[in-house]
Amino acid sequence: MNVTLNRDGNALFVTISGRVNTATAPELEATLVPALDGVVDLTIDMAEVLYISSAGLRVILTAQKIMARQGTLTVRNLRPEVYEVFDMTGFAEFINIE
């Protein structure tokens, strides 16, 4: 898994690629959560995410909870198989997906 962060003022654009699973989710959390300080607009591009497990979803949920207090979260470019995980778990109902 690779994570790239690009900050522009109060906006943070995150690009994730590879597999987000039990082995890689802690790295994602350790990179993402501290970067959210002062962010009001978080966009996560997941076009290159091949797989996401419940551990990865937990990191997205953590980001959603933080952003619900300080701004907005948008997840973009989900592959069909990754969108299916968001849909089956109910995440698609409360996460803004483009």
N, C-alpha and C. Protein backbone atom coordinates (compact mmCIF):
# COMPACT_ATOMS: atom_id res chain seq x y z
N MET A 1 0.84 -1.17 0.00
CA MET A 1 0.00 0.00 0.00
C MET A 1 0.89 1.24 0.00
N ASN A 2 0.45 2.24 -0.74
CA ASN A 2 1.12 3.55 -0.75
C ASN A 2 0.10 4.62 -0.43
N VAL A 3 0.53 5.62 0.34
CA VAL A 3 -0.32 6.74 0.71
C VAL A 3 0.43 8.02 0.39
N THR A 4 -0.24 8.92 -0.32
CA THR A 4 0.32 10.22 -0.64
C THR A 4 -0.60 11.29 -0.10
N LEU A 5 -0.03 12.26 0.62
CA LEU A 5 -0.80 13.37 1.17
C LEU A 5 -0.38 14.66 0.47
N ASN A 6 -1.36 15.45 0.06
CA ASN A 6 -1.11 16.77 -0.52
C ASN A 6 -2.02 17.76 0.19
N ARG A 7 -1.41 18.71 0.88
CA ARG A 7 -2.19 19.69 1.62
C ARG A 7 -2.15 21.03 0.90
N ASP A 8 -3.32 21.67 0.83
CA ASP A 8 -3.44 22.99 0.24
C ASP A 8 -4.30 23.82 1.19
N GLY A 9 -3.67 24.55 2.06
CA GLY A 9 -4.41 25.33 3.06
C GLY A 9 -5.16 24.40 4.01
N ASN A 10 -6.48 24.53 4.05
CA ASN A 10 -7.32 23.70 4.93
C ASN A 10 -7.81 22.43 4.25
N ALA A 11 -7.36 22.19 3.02
CA ALA A 11 -7.79 21.01 2.26
C ALA A 11 -6.66 19.98 2.23
N LEU A 12 -7.04 18.73 2.39
CA LEU A 12 -6.08 17.63 2.31
C LEU A 12 -6.58 16.64 1.28
N PHE A 13 -5.71 16.32 0.32
CA PHE A 13 -6.03 15.34 -0.71
C PHE A 13 -5.14 14.13 -0.48
N VAL A 14 -5.76 12.98 -0.29
CA VAL A 14 -5.04 11.74 0.03
C VAL A 14 -5.26 10.76 -1.12
N THR A 15 -4.18 10.18 -1.60
CA THR A 15 -4.26 9.14 -2.61
C THR A 15 -3.74 7.84 -2.00
N ILE A 16 -4.56 6.80 -2.10
CA ILE A 16 -4.19 5.49 -1.56
C ILE A 16 -4.14 4.51 -2.72
N SER A 17 -3.13 3.66 -2.72
CA SER A 17 -3.06 2.61 -3.74
C SER A 17 -2.66 1.29 -3.09
N GLY A 18 -3.05 0.21 -3.75
CA GLY A 18 -2.71 -1.12 -3.25
C GLY A 18 -3.83 -1.74 -2.43
N ARG A 19 -3.43 -2.55 -1.46
CA ARG A 19 -4.39 -3.27 -0.62
C ARG A 19 -4.41 -2.66 0.77
N VAL A 20 -5.61 -2.35 1.26
CA VAL A 20 -5.77 -1.80 2.61
C VAL A 20 -6.37 -2.93 3.44
N ASN A 21 -5.51 -3.56 4.23
CA ASN A 21 -5.94 -4.73 5.00
C ASN A 21 -5.36 -4.68 6.42
N THR A 22 -5.44 -5.76 7.13
CA THR A 22 -4.98 -5.81 8.52
C THR A 22 -3.51 -5.44 8.62
N ALA A 23 -2.71 -5.80 7.64
CA ALA A 23 -1.28 -5.52 7.68
C ALA A 23 -0.97 -4.05 7.36
N THR A 24 -1.76 -3.42 6.50
CA THR A 24 -1.44 -2.07 6.05
C THR A 24 -2.28 -0.97 6.70
N ALA A 25 -3.42 -1.31 7.26
CA ALA A 25 -4.31 -0.30 7.85
C ALA A 25 -3.64 0.50 8.97
N PRO A 26 -2.82 -0.11 9.84
CA PRO A 26 -2.15 0.70 10.86
C PRO A 26 -1.25 1.79 10.27
N GLU A 27 -0.59 1.49 9.17
CA GLU A 27 0.25 2.48 8.50
C GLU A 27 -0.61 3.62 7.96
N LEU A 28 -1.75 3.27 7.35
CA LEU A 28 -2.66 4.29 6.84
C LEU A 28 -3.14 5.18 7.97
N GLU A 29 -3.54 4.59 9.07
CA GLU A 29 -4.04 5.37 10.21
C GLU A 29 -2.94 6.27 10.77
N ALA A 30 -1.74 5.74 10.91
CA ALA A 30 -0.62 6.51 11.46
C ALA A 30 -0.24 7.68 10.56
N THR A 31 -0.48 7.56 9.27
CA THR A 31 -0.19 8.63 8.32
C THR A 31 -1.34 9.63 8.24
N LEU A 32 -2.56 9.13 8.19
CA LEU A 32 -3.73 9.97 7.93
C LEU A 32 -4.19 10.77 9.15
N VAL A 33 -4.40 10.12 10.27
CA VAL A 33 -5.04 10.78 11.41
C VAL A 33 -4.26 12.01 11.89
N PRO A 34 -2.95 11.94 12.07
CA PRO A 34 -2.25 13.15 12.50
C PRO A 34 -2.31 14.30 11.49
N ALA A 35 -2.47 13.97 10.22
CA ALA A 35 -2.51 14.98 9.17
C ALA A 35 -3.84 15.74 9.13
N LEU A 36 -4.84 15.27 9.87
CA LEU A 36 -6.17 15.89 9.83
C LEU A 36 -6.30 17.14 10.68
N ASP A 37 -5.30 17.45 11.45
CA ASP A 37 -5.34 18.64 12.30
C ASP A 37 -5.50 19.90 11.44
N GLY A 38 -6.59 20.62 11.65
CA GLY A 38 -6.85 21.85 10.91
C GLY A 38 -7.45 21.67 9.53
N VAL A 39 -7.71 20.44 9.13
CA VAL A 39 -8.28 20.17 7.80
C VAL A 39 -9.80 20.34 7.87
N VAL A 40 -10.36 21.05 6.90
CA VAL A 40 -11.81 21.19 6.82
C VAL A 40 -12.39 20.49 5.60
N ASP A 41 -11.52 20.14 4.66
CA ASP A 41 -11.97 19.45 3.45
C ASP A 41 -11.00 18.30 3.16
N LEU A 42 -11.45 17.07 3.41
CA LEU A 42 -10.63 15.89 3.19
C LEU A 42 -11.19 15.12 2.00
N THR A 43 -10.32 14.85 1.03
CA THR A 43 -10.69 14.05 -0.13
C THR A 43 -9.74 12.86 -0.19
N ILE A 44 -10.31 11.67 -0.26
CA ILE A 44 -9.52 10.45 -0.36
C ILE A 44 -9.80 9.82 -1.72
N ASP A 45 -8.75 9.74 -2.55
CA ASP A 45 -8.88 9.11 -3.86
C ASP A 45 -8.44 7.66 -3.73
N MET A 46 -9.35 6.75 -4.06
CA MET A 46 -9.09 5.32 -3.90
C MET A 46 -9.12 4.59 -5.24
N ALA A 47 -8.83 5.31 -6.33
CA ALA A 47 -8.87 4.70 -7.66
C ALA A 47 -7.95 3.50 -7.79
N GLU A 48 -6.85 3.51 -7.05
CA GLU A 48 -5.86 2.43 -7.16
C GLU A 48 -5.92 1.45 -5.99
N VAL A 49 -6.98 1.54 -5.18
CA VAL A 49 -7.15 0.57 -4.09
C VAL A 49 -7.78 -0.69 -4.67
N LEU A 50 -7.07 -1.80 -4.54
CA LEU A 50 -7.52 -3.06 -5.11
C LEU A 50 -8.42 -3.84 -4.16
N TYR A 51 -8.26 -3.58 -2.85
CA TYR A 51 -8.98 -4.36 -1.84
C TYR A 51 -8.99 -3.54 -0.56
N ILE A 52 -10.11 -3.62 0.18
CA ILE A 52 -10.17 -3.01 1.50
C ILE A 52 -10.86 -3.98 2.45
N SER A 53 -10.25 -4.19 3.60
CA SER A 53 -10.80 -5.09 4.62
C SER A 53 -11.50 -4.26 5.69
N SER A 54 -12.03 -4.94 6.68
CA SER A 54 -12.68 -4.24 7.80
C SER A 54 -11.69 -3.35 8.54
N ALA A 55 -10.43 -3.73 8.58
CA ALA A 55 -9.41 -2.89 9.23
C ALA A 55 -9.24 -1.58 8.47
N GLY A 56 -9.28 -1.64 7.16
CA GLY A 56 -9.22 -0.42 6.34
C GLY A 56 -10.45 0.43 6.51
N LEU A 57 -11.61 -0.21 6.57
CA LEU A 57 -12.86 0.53 6.79
C LEU A 57 -12.84 1.24 8.14
N ARG A 58 -12.22 0.62 9.13
CA ARG A 58 -12.14 1.25 10.45
C ARG A 58 -11.36 2.56 10.37
N VAL A 59 -10.30 2.59 9.57
CA VAL A 59 -9.52 3.82 9.41
C VAL A 59 -10.37 4.89 8.72
N ILE A 60 -11.12 4.51 7.70
CA ILE A 60 -12.01 5.45 7.02
C ILE A 60 -13.06 5.97 8.00
N LEU A 61 -13.59 5.09 8.84
CA LEU A 61 -14.57 5.50 9.85
C LEU A 61 -13.96 6.47 10.85
N THR A 62 -12.74 6.22 11.27
CA THR A 62 -12.06 7.14 12.18
C THR A 62 -11.92 8.51 11.54
N ALA A 63 -11.52 8.55 10.28
CA ALA A 63 -11.40 9.82 9.56
C ALA A 63 -12.76 10.50 9.44
N GLN A 64 -13.80 9.73 9.18
CA GLN A 64 -15.16 10.29 9.07
C GLN A 64 -15.59 10.92 10.39
N LYS A 65 -15.32 10.26 11.50
CA LYS A 65 -15.70 10.81 12.81
C LYS A 65 -14.97 12.11 13.09
N ILE A 66 -13.69 12.17 12.76
CA ILE A 66 -12.92 13.40 12.96
C ILE A 66 -13.47 14.51 12.06
N MET A 67 -13.69 14.19 10.80
CA MET A 67 -14.14 15.20 9.86
C MET A 67 -15.58 15.64 10.12
N ALA A 68 -16.39 14.81 10.72
CA ALA A 68 -17.75 15.21 11.07
C ALA A 68 -17.73 16.37 12.06
N ARG A 69 -16.67 16.47 12.85
CA ARG A 69 -16.54 17.55 13.82
C ARG A 69 -15.91 18.81 13.23
N GLN A 70 -15.13 18.66 12.14
CA GLN A 70 -14.37 19.82 11.68
C GLN A 70 -14.51 20.13 10.20
N GLY A 71 -15.26 19.34 9.45
CA GLY A 71 -15.39 19.62 8.03
C GLY A 71 -16.08 18.50 7.27
N THR A 72 -15.58 18.22 6.07
CA THR A 72 -16.21 17.21 5.22
C THR A 72 -15.18 16.19 4.74
N LEU A 73 -15.69 15.01 4.46
CA LEU A 73 -14.90 13.92 3.89
C LEU A 73 -15.57 13.45 2.62
N THR A 74 -14.79 13.33 1.56
CA THR A 74 -15.27 12.77 0.30
C THR A 74 -14.33 11.66 -0.12
N VAL A 75 -14.89 10.52 -0.48
CA VAL A 75 -14.12 9.39 -1.02
C VAL A 75 -14.44 9.32 -2.50
N ARG A 76 -13.39 9.25 -3.32
CA ARG A 76 -13.58 9.27 -4.77
C ARG A 76 -13.01 8.04 -5.44
N ASN A 77 -13.58 7.75 -6.61
CA ASN A 77 -13.02 6.79 -7.56
C ASN A 77 -12.90 5.37 -7.01
N LEU A 78 -13.94 4.90 -6.36
CA LEU A 78 -13.91 3.51 -5.87
C LEU A 78 -14.08 2.54 -7.02
N ARG A 79 -13.23 1.55 -7.06
CA ARG A 79 -13.43 0.44 -8.01
C ARG A 79 -14.71 -0.29 -7.62
N PRO A 80 -15.35 -0.95 -8.57
CA PRO A 80 -16.61 -1.63 -8.25
C PRO A 80 -16.50 -2.62 -7.08
N GLU A 81 -15.40 -3.38 -7.03
CA GLU A 81 -15.26 -4.36 -5.95
C GLU A 81 -15.04 -3.70 -4.60
N VAL A 82 -14.43 -2.52 -4.58
CA VAL A 82 -14.25 -1.78 -3.32
C VAL A 82 -15.57 -1.09 -2.95
N TYR A 83 -16.26 -0.53 -3.95
CA TYR A 83 -17.57 0.08 -3.66
C TYR A 83 -18.52 -0.96 -3.07
N GLU A 84 -18.45 -2.16 -3.56
CA GLU A 84 -19.32 -3.23 -3.04
C GLU A 84 -19.11 -3.43 -1.54
N VAL A 85 -17.87 -3.36 -1.09
CA VAL A 85 -17.58 -3.49 0.35
C VAL A 85 -18.20 -2.31 1.11
N PHE A 86 -18.06 -1.10 0.57
CA PHE A 86 -18.67 0.08 1.21
C PHE A 86 -20.19 -0.07 1.26
N ASP A 87 -20.77 -0.59 0.19
CA ASP A 87 -22.21 -0.75 0.10
C ASP A 87 -22.72 -1.83 1.06
N MET A 88 -22.07 -2.99 1.04
CA MET A 88 -22.53 -4.11 1.88
C MET A 88 -22.40 -3.81 3.38
N THR A 89 -21.43 -2.99 3.75
CA THR A 89 -21.22 -2.68 5.16
C THR A 89 -22.02 -1.47 5.63
N GLY A 90 -22.71 -0.81 4.70
CA GLY A 90 -23.49 0.36 5.05
C GLY A 90 -22.71 1.66 5.01
N PHE A 91 -21.42 1.59 4.73
CA PHE A 91 -20.60 2.81 4.67
C PHE A 91 -21.09 3.75 3.56
N ALA A 92 -21.61 3.20 2.49
CA ALA A 92 -22.07 4.03 1.38
C ALA A 92 -23.24 4.92 1.78
N GLU A 93 -23.89 4.61 2.89
CA GLU A 93 -25.02 5.41 3.34
C GLU A 93 -24.61 6.68 4.08
N PHE A 94 -23.40 6.69 4.67
CA PHE A 94 -23.02 7.88 5.44
C PHE A 94 -21.69 8.50 5.02
N ILE A 95 -21.00 7.89 4.07
CA ILE A 95 -19.77 8.46 3.53
C ILE A 95 -20.11 9.09 2.18
N ASN A 96 -19.66 10.31 1.97
CA ASN A 96 -19.88 10.97 0.69
C ASN A 96 -18.94 10.33 -0.34
N ILE A 97 -19.53 9.63 -1.32
CA ILE A 97 -18.75 8.92 -2.34
C ILE A 97 -19.03 9.54 -3.70
N GLU A 98 -17.96 9.88 -4.38
CA GLU A 98 -18.08 10.42 -5.75
C GLU A 98 -17.44 9.47 -6.73
